[in-house]
């Protein structure tokens, strides 16, 4: 990319941030209202998570249960507001970068499927295996006592992280559409992408064993290849 192209790109990124300034304020208000609404149902959500992962929880401070329920309500509110967030982001990208209406129409459902698909994969596959592995070290002389605050932090962080990370194919396609990089770039640096995926899987998965890392790394690599394929079909080959 030339110096003029880089300057134009930086200007458009700045315009995107300006365009999203009002959206960020609206998002903060909407998140606060949604969190307050979900809070009334947070005890049932916590019991559902406990039953799904088969865990008995404890708390070690007077405010810990309240704070844990607030955090759980916040995570749930963010997940529920994801369609609105992504819709506003698609509108901003279309306005600033001149993306076609067809691509904007494709962007929203694809982003939703990837986000909720990643969160569902974490909820039904990665978390149960990871929790069972971590608690496999207990013995008659060593019993786990799990704090409700740390339990909510653990589950909420991984659900949101998996949902965001699974957006990889869409991000790759968007980079190609914006001519920041081309398909050949993704092909040329595939080995570095594999290394980055391995490191990311080691960080995001709850256990350090190879099996649980593979539960994250293999789908993420497949998503990378899907991103290369979709970018080749919909975007320019070079920046």
C-alpha atoms as a PDB file:
ATOM      1  CA  UNK A   1       0.000   0.000   0.000  1.00  0.00           C
ATOM      2  CA  UNK A   2       1.349   3.431  -0.953  1.00  0.00           C
ATOM      3  CA  UNK A   3       1.841   6.334   1.445  1.00  0.00           C
ATOM      4  CA  UNK A   4      -1.201   8.086  -0.036  1.00  0.00           C
ATOM      5  CA  UNK A   5      -3.239   4.918   0.398  1.00  0.00           C
ATOM      6  CA  UNK A   6      -2.129   4.576   4.009  1.00  0.00           C
ATOM      7  CA  UNK A   7      -3.052   8.213   4.695  1.00  0.00           C
ATOM      8  CA  UNK A   8      -6.487   7.705   3.135  1.00  0.00           C
ATOM      9  CA  UNK A   9      -7.000   4.558   5.180  1.00  0.00           C
ATOM     10  CA  UNK A  10      -6.060   6.345   8.407  1.00  0.00           C
ATOM     11  CA  UNK A  11      -8.447   9.155   7.561  1.00  0.00           C
ATOM     12  CA  UNK A  12     -11.267   6.679   7.002  1.00  0.00           C
ATOM     13  CA  UNK A  13     -10.486   4.875  10.252  1.00  0.00           C
ATOM     14  CA  UNK A  14     -10.662   8.225  12.033  1.00  0.00           C
ATOM     15  CA  UNK A  15     -13.993   8.964  10.318  1.00  0.00           C
ATOM     16  CA  UNK A  16     -15.222   5.546  11.431  1.00  0.00           C
ATOM     17  CA  UNK A  17     -14.349   6.343  15.053  1.00  0.00           C
ATOM     18  CA  UNK A  18     -16.128   9.699  14.778  1.00  0.00           C
ATOM     19  CA  UNK A  19     -19.115   7.979  13.192  1.00  0.00           C
ATOM     20  CA  UNK A  20     -19.233   5.478  16.064  1.00  0.00           C
ATOM     21  CA  UNK A  21     -18.921   8.086  18.815  1.00  0.00           C
ATOM     22  CA  UNK A  22     -22.674   8.453  19.218  1.00  0.00           C
ATOM     23  CA  UNK A  23     -23.087   4.720  18.854  1.00  0.00           C
ATOM     24  CA  UNK A  24     -20.711   4.129  21.780  1.00  0.00           C
ATOM     25  CA  UNK A  25     -22.793   6.398  24.009  1.00  0.00           C
ATOM     26  CA  UNK A  26     -26.012   4.695  22.912  1.00  0.00           C
ATOM     27  CA  UNK A  27     -24.377   1.307  23.408  1.00  0.00           C
ATOM     28  CA  UNK A  28     -23.336   2.170  26.964  1.00  0.00           C
ATOM     29  CA  UNK A  29     -26.879   3.277  27.834  1.00  0.00           C
ATOM     30  CA  UNK A  30     -28.454   0.231  26.165  1.00  0.00           C
ATOM     31  CA  UNK A  31     -26.020  -2.103  27.913  1.00  0.00           C
ATOM     32  CA  UNK A  32     -26.796  -0.545  31.283  1.00  0.00           C
ATOM     33  CA  UNK A  33     -30.558  -0.846  30.773  1.00  0.00           C
ATOM     34  CA  UNK A  34     -30.291  -4.405  29.476  1.00  0.00           C
ATOM     35  CA  UNK A  35     -28.040  -5.387  32.389  1.00  0.00           C
ATOM     36  CA  UNK A  36     -30.565  -3.990  34.862  1.00  0.00           C
ATOM     37  CA  UNK A  37     -33.392  -5.896  33.152  1.00  0.00           C
ATOM     38  CA  UNK A  38     -31.476  -9.173  33.021  1.00  0.00           C
ATOM     39  CA  UNK A  39     -30.414  -8.853  36.671  1.00  0.00           C
ATOM     40  CA  UNK A  40     -33.883  -9.902  37.832  1.00  0.00           C
ATOM     41  CA  UNK A  41     -33.381 -13.250  36.064  1.00  0.00           C
ATOM     42  CA  UNK A  42     -29.699 -13.658  36.941  1.00  0.00           C
ATOM     43  CA  UNK A  43     -30.268 -16.145  39.816  1.00  0.00           C
ATOM     44  CA  UNK A  44     -32.017 -18.498  37.388  1.00  0.00           C
ATOM     45  CA  UNK A  45     -29.191 -18.030  34.869  1.00  0.00           C
ATOM     46  CA  UNK A  46     -26.619 -18.841  37.535  1.00  0.00           C
ATOM     47  CA  UNK A  47     -28.493 -21.981  38.551  1.00  0.00           C
ATOM     48  CA  UNK A  48     -28.662 -22.997  34.892  1.00  0.00           C
ATOM     49  CA  UNK A  49     -24.884 -22.605  34.511  1.00  0.00           C
ATOM     50  CA  UNK A  50     -24.293 -24.528  37.729  1.00  0.00           C
ATOM     51  CA  UNK A  51     -26.484 -27.371  36.512  1.00  0.00           C
ATOM     52  CA  UNK A  52     -24.884 -27.425  33.067  1.00  0.00           C
ATOM     53  CA  UNK A  53     -21.353 -27.613  34.484  1.00  0.00           C
ATOM     54  CA  UNK A  54     -22.415 -29.610  37.571  1.00  0.00           C
ATOM     55  CA  UNK A  55     -20.784 -27.284  40.097  1.00  0.00           C
ATOM     56  CA  UNK A  56     -21.522 -26.281  43.679  1.00  0.00           C
ATOM     57  CA  UNK A  57     -20.457 -22.725  44.434  1.00  0.00           C
ATOM     58  CA  UNK A  58     -19.476 -20.752  47.528  1.00  0.00           C
ATOM     59  CA  UNK A  59     -18.768 -17.106  48.285  1.00  0.00           C
ATOM     60  CA  UNK A  60     -16.168 -15.502  50.516  1.00  0.00           C
ATOM     61  CA  UNK A  61     -17.430 -11.945  50.825  1.00  0.00           C
ATOM     62  CA  UNK A  62     -20.671 -10.177  51.634  1.00  0.00           C
ATOM     63  CA  UNK A  63     -20.932  -8.470  48.236  1.00  0.00           C
ATOM     64  CA  UNK A  64     -19.478 -11.279  46.118  1.00  0.00           C
ATOM     65  CA  UNK A  65     -22.841 -12.855  45.130  1.00  0.00           C
ATOM     66  CA  UNK A  66     -24.285  -9.458  44.132  1.00  0.00           C
ATOM     67  CA  UNK A  67     -21.219  -8.532  42.074  1.00  0.00           C
ATOM     68  CA  UNK A  68     -21.185 -11.982  40.450  1.00  0.00           C
ATOM     69  CA  UNK A  69     -24.843 -11.653  39.432  1.00  0.00           C
ATOM     70  CA  UNK A  70     -24.158  -8.181  38.022  1.00  0.00           C
ATOM     71  CA  UNK A  71     -21.277  -9.541  35.938  1.00  0.00           C
ATOM     72  CA  UNK A  72     -23.430 -12.417  34.719  1.00  0.00           C
ATOM     73  CA  UNK A  73     -26.175  -9.938  33.807  1.00  0.00           C
ATOM     74  CA  UNK A  74     -23.632  -7.802  31.907  1.00  0.00           C
ATOM     75  CA  UNK A  75     -22.348 -10.759  29.879  1.00  0.00           C
ATOM     76  CA  UNK A  76     -25.900 -11.841  29.065  1.00  0.00           C
ATOM     77  CA  UNK A  77     -26.860  -8.280  28.089  1.00  0.00           C
ATOM     78  CA  UNK A  78     -23.873  -8.019  25.717  1.00  0.00           C
ATOM     79  CA  UNK A  79     -24.828 -11.325  24.105  1.00  0.00           C
ATOM     80  CA  UNK A  80     -28.449 -10.218  23.683  1.00  0.00           C
ATOM     81  CA  UNK A  81     -27.441  -6.834  22.234  1.00  0.00           C
ATOM     82  CA  UNK A  82     -24.958  -8.370  19.768  1.00  0.00           C
ATOM     83  CA  UNK A  83     -27.385  -8.070  16.791  1.00  0.00           C
ATOM     84  CA  UNK A  84     -27.843  -4.351  17.448  1.00  0.00           C
ATOM     85  CA  UNK A  85     -24.111  -3.758  17.941  1.00  0.00           C
ATOM     86  CA  UNK A  86     -23.266  -5.562  14.705  1.00  0.00           C
ATOM     87  CA  UNK A  87     -26.033  -3.800  12.783  1.00  0.00           C
ATOM     88  CA  UNK A  88     -24.698  -0.401  13.822  1.00  0.00           C
ATOM     89  CA  UNK A  89     -21.146  -1.463  12.978  1.00  0.00           C
ATOM     90  CA  UNK A  90     -22.239  -2.637   9.530  1.00  0.00           C
ATOM     91  CA  UNK A  91     -23.957   0.701   8.922  1.00  0.00           C
ATOM     92  CA  UNK A  92     -20.856   2.622   9.981  1.00  0.00           C
ATOM     93  CA  UNK A  93     -18.568   0.554   7.750  1.00  0.00           C
ATOM     94  CA  UNK A  94     -20.899   1.023   4.802  1.00  0.00           C
ATOM     95  CA  UNK A  95     -21.100   4.790   5.340  1.00  0.00           C
ATOM     96  CA  UNK A  96     -17.367   5.380   5.826  1.00  0.00           C
ATOM     97  CA  UNK A  97     -15.788   2.846   3.479  1.00  0.00           C
ATOM     98  CA  UNK A  98     -18.487   2.802   0.823  1.00  0.00           C
ATOM     99  CA  UNK A  99     -19.213  -0.905   1.112  1.00  0.00           C
ATOM    100  CA  UNK A 100     -22.013  -2.195  -1.049  1.00  0.00           C
ATOM    101  CA  UNK A 101     -25.477  -2.833   0.329  1.00  0.00           C
ATOM    102  CA  UNK A 102     -25.084  -6.459  -0.695  1.00  0.00           C
ATOM    103  CA  UNK A 103     -21.991  -6.851   1.492  1.00  0.00           C
ATOM    104  CA  UNK A 104     -23.677  -5.077   4.408  1.00  0.00           C
ATOM    105  CA  UNK A 105     -26.621  -7.462   4.038  1.00  0.00           C
ATOM    106  CA  UNK A 106     -24.193 -10.394   4.131  1.00  0.00           C
ATOM    107  CA  UNK A 107     -22.192  -8.959   7.038  1.00  0.00           C
ATOM    108  CA  UNK A 108     -24.888  -8.955   9.722  1.00  0.00           C
ATOM    109  CA  UNK A 109     -26.216 -12.548   9.502  1.00  0.00           C
ATOM    110  CA  UNK A 110     -22.707 -13.931   9.003  1.00  0.00           C
ATOM    111  CA  UNK A 111     -21.422 -12.052  12.066  1.00  0.00           C
ATOM    112  CA  UNK A 112     -24.356 -13.256  14.177  1.00  0.00           C
ATOM    113  CA  UNK A 113     -23.949 -16.887  13.121  1.00  0.00           C
ATOM    114  CA  UNK A 114     -20.213 -16.803  13.864  1.00  0.00           C
ATOM    115  CA  UNK A 115     -20.597 -15.037  17.217  1.00  0.00           C
ATOM    116  CA  UNK A 116     -23.359 -17.240  18.577  1.00  0.00           C
ATOM    117  CA  UNK A 117     -21.777 -20.317  17.012  1.00  0.00           C
ATOM    118  CA  UNK A 118     -18.507 -19.634  18.829  1.00  0.00           C
ATOM    119  CA  UNK A 119     -20.282 -19.012  22.135  1.00  0.00           C
ATOM    120  CA  UNK A 120     -22.360 -22.199  21.702  1.00  0.00           C
ATOM    121  CA  UNK A 121     -19.256 -24.232  20.858  1.00  0.00           C
ATOM    122  CA  UNK A 122     -17.596 -22.967  24.030  1.00  0.00           C
ATOM    123  CA  UNK A 123     -20.706 -23.617  26.132  1.00  0.00           C
ATOM    124  CA  UNK A 124     -21.421 -27.148  24.945  1.00  0.00           C
ATOM    125  CA  UNK A 125     -17.920 -28.452  24.151  1.00  0.00           C
ATOM    126  CA  UNK A 126     -14.960 -26.523  25.532  1.00  0.00           C
ATOM    127  CA  UNK A 127     -16.231 -25.512  28.973  1.00  0.00           C
ATOM    128  CA  UNK A 128     -17.537 -28.956  30.053  1.00  0.00           C
ATOM    129  CA  UNK A 129     -14.314 -30.693  28.971  1.00  0.00           C
ATOM    130  CA  UNK A 130     -12.139 -27.974  30.480  1.00  0.00           C
ATOM    131  CA  UNK A 131     -13.922 -27.882  33.828  1.00  0.00           C
ATOM    132  CA  UNK A 132     -13.879 -31.685  34.120  1.00  0.00           C
ATOM    133  CA  UNK A 133     -10.155 -31.714  33.381  1.00  0.00           C
ATOM    134  CA  UNK A 134      -9.349 -28.970  35.878  1.00  0.00           C
ATOM    135  CA  UNK A 135     -11.373 -30.606  38.635  1.00  0.00           C
ATOM    136  CA  UNK A 136      -9.869 -34.009  37.904  1.00  0.00           C
ATOM    137  CA  UNK A 137      -7.043 -33.221  40.338  1.00  0.00           C
ATOM    138  CA  UNK A 138      -9.325 -33.492  43.362  1.00  0.00           C
ATOM    139  CA  UNK A 139      -8.812 -36.344  45.798  1.00  0.00           C
ATOM    140  CA  UNK A 140     -10.206 -37.467  49.186  1.00  0.00           C
ATOM    141  CA  UNK A 141      -7.712 -35.060  50.772  1.00  0.00           C
ATOM    142  CA  UNK A 142      -8.144 -32.227  48.244  1.00  0.00           C
ATOM    143  CA  UNK A 143     -11.643 -30.949  47.551  1.00  0.00           C
ATOM    144  CA  UNK A 144     -12.427 -27.941  45.332  1.00  0.00           C
ATOM    145  CA  UNK A 145     -14.292 -24.950  46.734  1.00  0.00           C
ATOM    146  CA  UNK A 146     -15.253 -22.730  43.805  1.00  0.00           C
ATOM    147  CA  UNK A 147     -16.050 -19.080  44.352  1.00  0.00           C
ATOM    148  CA  UNK A 148     -19.177 -17.811  42.607  1.00  0.00           C
ATOM    149  CA  UNK A 149     -17.318 -14.677  41.530  1.00  0.00           C
ATOM    150  CA  UNK A 150     -14.469 -16.571  39.880  1.00  0.00           C
ATOM    151  CA  UNK A 151     -16.926 -19.035  38.344  1.00  0.00           C
ATOM    152  CA  UNK A 152     -18.862 -16.223  36.647  1.00  0.00           C
ATOM    153  CA  UNK A 153     -15.634 -14.521  35.520  1.00  0.00           C
ATOM    154  CA  UNK A 154     -14.351 -17.788  34.073  1.00  0.00           C
ATOM    155  CA  UNK A 155     -17.524 -18.717  32.187  1.00  0.00           C
ATOM    156  CA  UNK A 156     -18.370 -15.198  30.999  1.00  0.00           C
ATOM    157  CA  UNK A 157     -14.863 -14.462  29.739  1.00  0.00           C
ATOM    158  CA  UNK A 158     -14.628 -17.645  27.703  1.00  0.00           C
ATOM    159  CA  UNK A 159     -18.112 -17.350  26.198  1.00  0.00           C
ATOM    160  CA  UNK A 160     -17.483 -13.809  24.960  1.00  0.00           C
ATOM    161  CA  UNK A 161     -13.910 -14.593  23.857  1.00  0.00           C
ATOM    162  CA  UNK A 162     -14.976 -17.588  21.783  1.00  0.00           C
ATOM    163  CA  UNK A 163     -17.805 -15.605  20.202  1.00  0.00           C
ATOM    164  CA  UNK A 164     -15.437 -12.810  19.186  1.00  0.00           C
ATOM    165  CA  UNK A 165     -12.615 -15.077  18.002  1.00  0.00           C
ATOM    166  CA  UNK A 166     -14.966 -17.028  15.751  1.00  0.00           C
ATOM    167  CA  UNK A 167     -15.501 -13.816  13.743  1.00  0.00           C
ATOM    168  CA  UNK A 168     -12.119 -14.497  12.079  1.00  0.00           C
ATOM    169  CA  UNK A 169     -13.440 -15.364   8.560  1.00  0.00           C
ATOM    170  CA  UNK A 170     -15.560 -12.222   8.480  1.00  0.00           C
ATOM    171  CA  UNK A 171     -12.643 -10.032   9.595  1.00  0.00           C
ATOM    172  CA  UNK A 172     -10.436 -11.538   6.885  1.00  0.00           C
ATOM    173  CA  UNK A 173     -13.097 -10.939   4.242  1.00  0.00           C
ATOM    174  CA  UNK A 174     -13.573  -7.363   5.423  1.00  0.00           C
ATOM    175  CA  UNK A 175      -9.830  -6.662   5.260  1.00  0.00           C
ATOM    176  CA  UNK A 176      -9.814  -7.841   1.661  1.00  0.00           C
ATOM    177  CA  UNK A 177     -12.879  -5.789   0.755  1.00  0.00           C
ATOM    178  CA  UNK A 178     -11.207  -2.696   2.206  1.00  0.00           C
ATOM    179  CA  UNK A 179      -8.010  -3.547   0.256  1.00  0.00           C
ATOM    180  CA  UNK A 180      -5.920  -3.480   3.425  1.00  0.00           C
ATOM    181  CA  UNK A 181      -4.538  -6.874   2.435  1.00  0.00           C
ATOM    182  CA  UNK A 182      -5.296  -9.466  -0.213  1.00  0.00           C
ATOM    183  CA  UNK A 183      -5.947 -13.179  -0.344  1.00  0.00           C
ATOM    184  CA  UNK A 184      -2.338 -13.841  -1.290  1.00  0.00           C
ATOM    185  CA  UNK A 185      -1.268 -12.245   1.992  1.00  0.00           C
ATOM    186  CA  UNK A 186      -3.280 -14.791   3.977  1.00  0.00           C
ATOM    187  CA  UNK A 187      -1.872 -17.619   1.881  1.00  0.00           C
ATOM    188  CA  UNK A 188       1.715 -16.412   2.164  1.00  0.00           C
ATOM    189  CA  UNK A 189       1.568 -16.089   5.950  1.00  0.00           C
ATOM    190  CA  UNK A 190      -0.431 -19.241   6.619  1.00  0.00           C
ATOM    191  CA  UNK A 191       2.353 -20.787   8.737  1.00  0.00           C
ATOM    192  CA  UNK A 192       2.454 -17.704  10.944  1.00  0.00           C
ATOM    193  CA  UNK A 193      -1.323 -17.841  11.234  1.00  0.00           C
ATOM    194  CA  UNK A 194      -1.074 -21.446  12.431  1.00  0.00           C
ATOM    195  CA  UNK A 195       1.437 -20.390  15.076  1.00  0.00           C
ATOM    196  CA  UNK A 196      -0.785 -17.496  16.176  1.00  0.00           C
ATOM    197  CA  UNK A 197      -3.796 -19.819  16.355  1.00  0.00           C
ATOM    198  CA  UNK A 198      -1.842 -22.267  18.515  1.00  0.00           C
ATOM    199  CA  UNK A 199      -0.828 -19.480  20.915  1.00  0.00           C
ATOM    200  CA  UNK A 200      -4.368 -18.114  21.016  1.00  0.00           C
ATOM    201  CA  UNK A 201      -5.793 -21.585  21.678  1.00  0.00           C
ATOM    202  CA  UNK A 202      -3.322 -22.056  24.533  1.00  0.00           C
ATOM    203  CA  UNK A 203      -4.415 -18.733  26.059  1.00  0.00           C
ATOM    204  CA  UNK A 204      -8.167 -19.068  25.573  1.00  0.00           C
ATOM    205  CA  UNK A 205      -8.746 -22.701  26.457  1.00  0.00           C
ATOM    206  CA  UNK A 206      -9.231 -23.307  30.177  1.00  0.00           C
ATOM    207  CA  UNK A 207      -6.679 -26.139  30.357  1.00  0.00           C
ATOM    208  CA  UNK A 208      -3.144 -26.493  28.969  1.00  0.00           C
ATOM    209  CA  UNK A 209      -3.514 -30.051  27.641  1.00  0.00           C
ATOM    210  CA  UNK A 210      -3.298 -30.779  23.907  1.00  0.00           C
ATOM    211  CA  UNK A 211      -6.844 -32.140  23.663  1.00  0.00           C
ATOM    212  CA  UNK A 212      -8.538 -28.990  24.921  1.00  0.00           C
ATOM    213  CA  UNK A 213      -6.186 -26.792  22.883  1.00  0.00           C
ATOM    214  CA  UNK A 214      -7.232 -28.770  19.820  1.00  0.00           C
ATOM    215  CA  UNK A 215     -10.890 -28.117  20.644  1.00  0.00           C
ATOM    216  CA  UNK A 216     -10.143 -24.445  20.054  1.00  0.00           C
ATOM    217  CA  UNK A 217      -7.259 -24.576  17.594  1.00  0.00           C
ATOM    218  CA  UNK A 218      -8.746 -26.938  14.998  1.00  0.00           C
ATOM    219  CA  UNK A 219     -12.037 -25.034  14.536  1.00  0.00           C
ATOM    220  CA  UNK A 220     -10.122 -21.756  14.442  1.00  0.00           C
ATOM    221  CA  UNK A 221      -7.779 -23.054  11.731  1.00  0.00           C
ATOM    222  CA  UNK A 222     -10.770 -24.308   9.740  1.00  0.00           C
ATOM    223  CA  UNK A 223     -12.321 -20.857  10.106  1.00  0.00           C
ATOM    224  CA  UNK A 224      -9.077 -19.359   8.813  1.00  0.00           C
ATOM    225  CA  UNK A 225      -9.270 -21.528   5.707  1.00  0.00           C
ATOM    226  CA  UNK A 226     -12.930 -20.599   5.298  1.00  0.00           C
ATOM    227  CA  UNK A 227     -11.893 -16.958   5.538  1.00  0.00           C
ATOM    228  CA  UNK A 228      -9.295 -17.467   2.790  1.00  0.00           C
ATOM    229  CA  UNK A 229     -11.899 -19.127   0.571  1.00  0.00           C
ATOM    230  CA  UNK A 230     -14.584 -16.485   1.137  1.00  0.00           C
ATOM    231  CA  UNK A 231     -12.078 -13.652   0.696  1.00  0.00           C
ATOM    232  CA  UNK A 232     -10.929 -15.205  -2.605  1.00  0.00           C
ATOM    233  CA  UNK A 233     -14.500 -15.384  -3.845  1.00  0.00           C
ATOM    234  CA  UNK A 234     -15.601 -11.921  -2.738  1.00  0.00           C
ATOM    235  CA  UNK A 235     -12.517  -9.691  -2.570  1.00  0.00           C
ATOM    236  CA  UNK A 236      -9.435  -8.619  -4.522  1.00  0.00           C
ATOM    237  CA  UNK A 237      -6.447 -10.916  -4.663  1.00  0.00           C
ATOM    238  CA  UNK A 238      -3.994  -8.223  -3.570  1.00  0.00           C
ATOM    239  CA  UNK A 239      -4.115  -5.001  -1.588  1.00  0.00           C
END
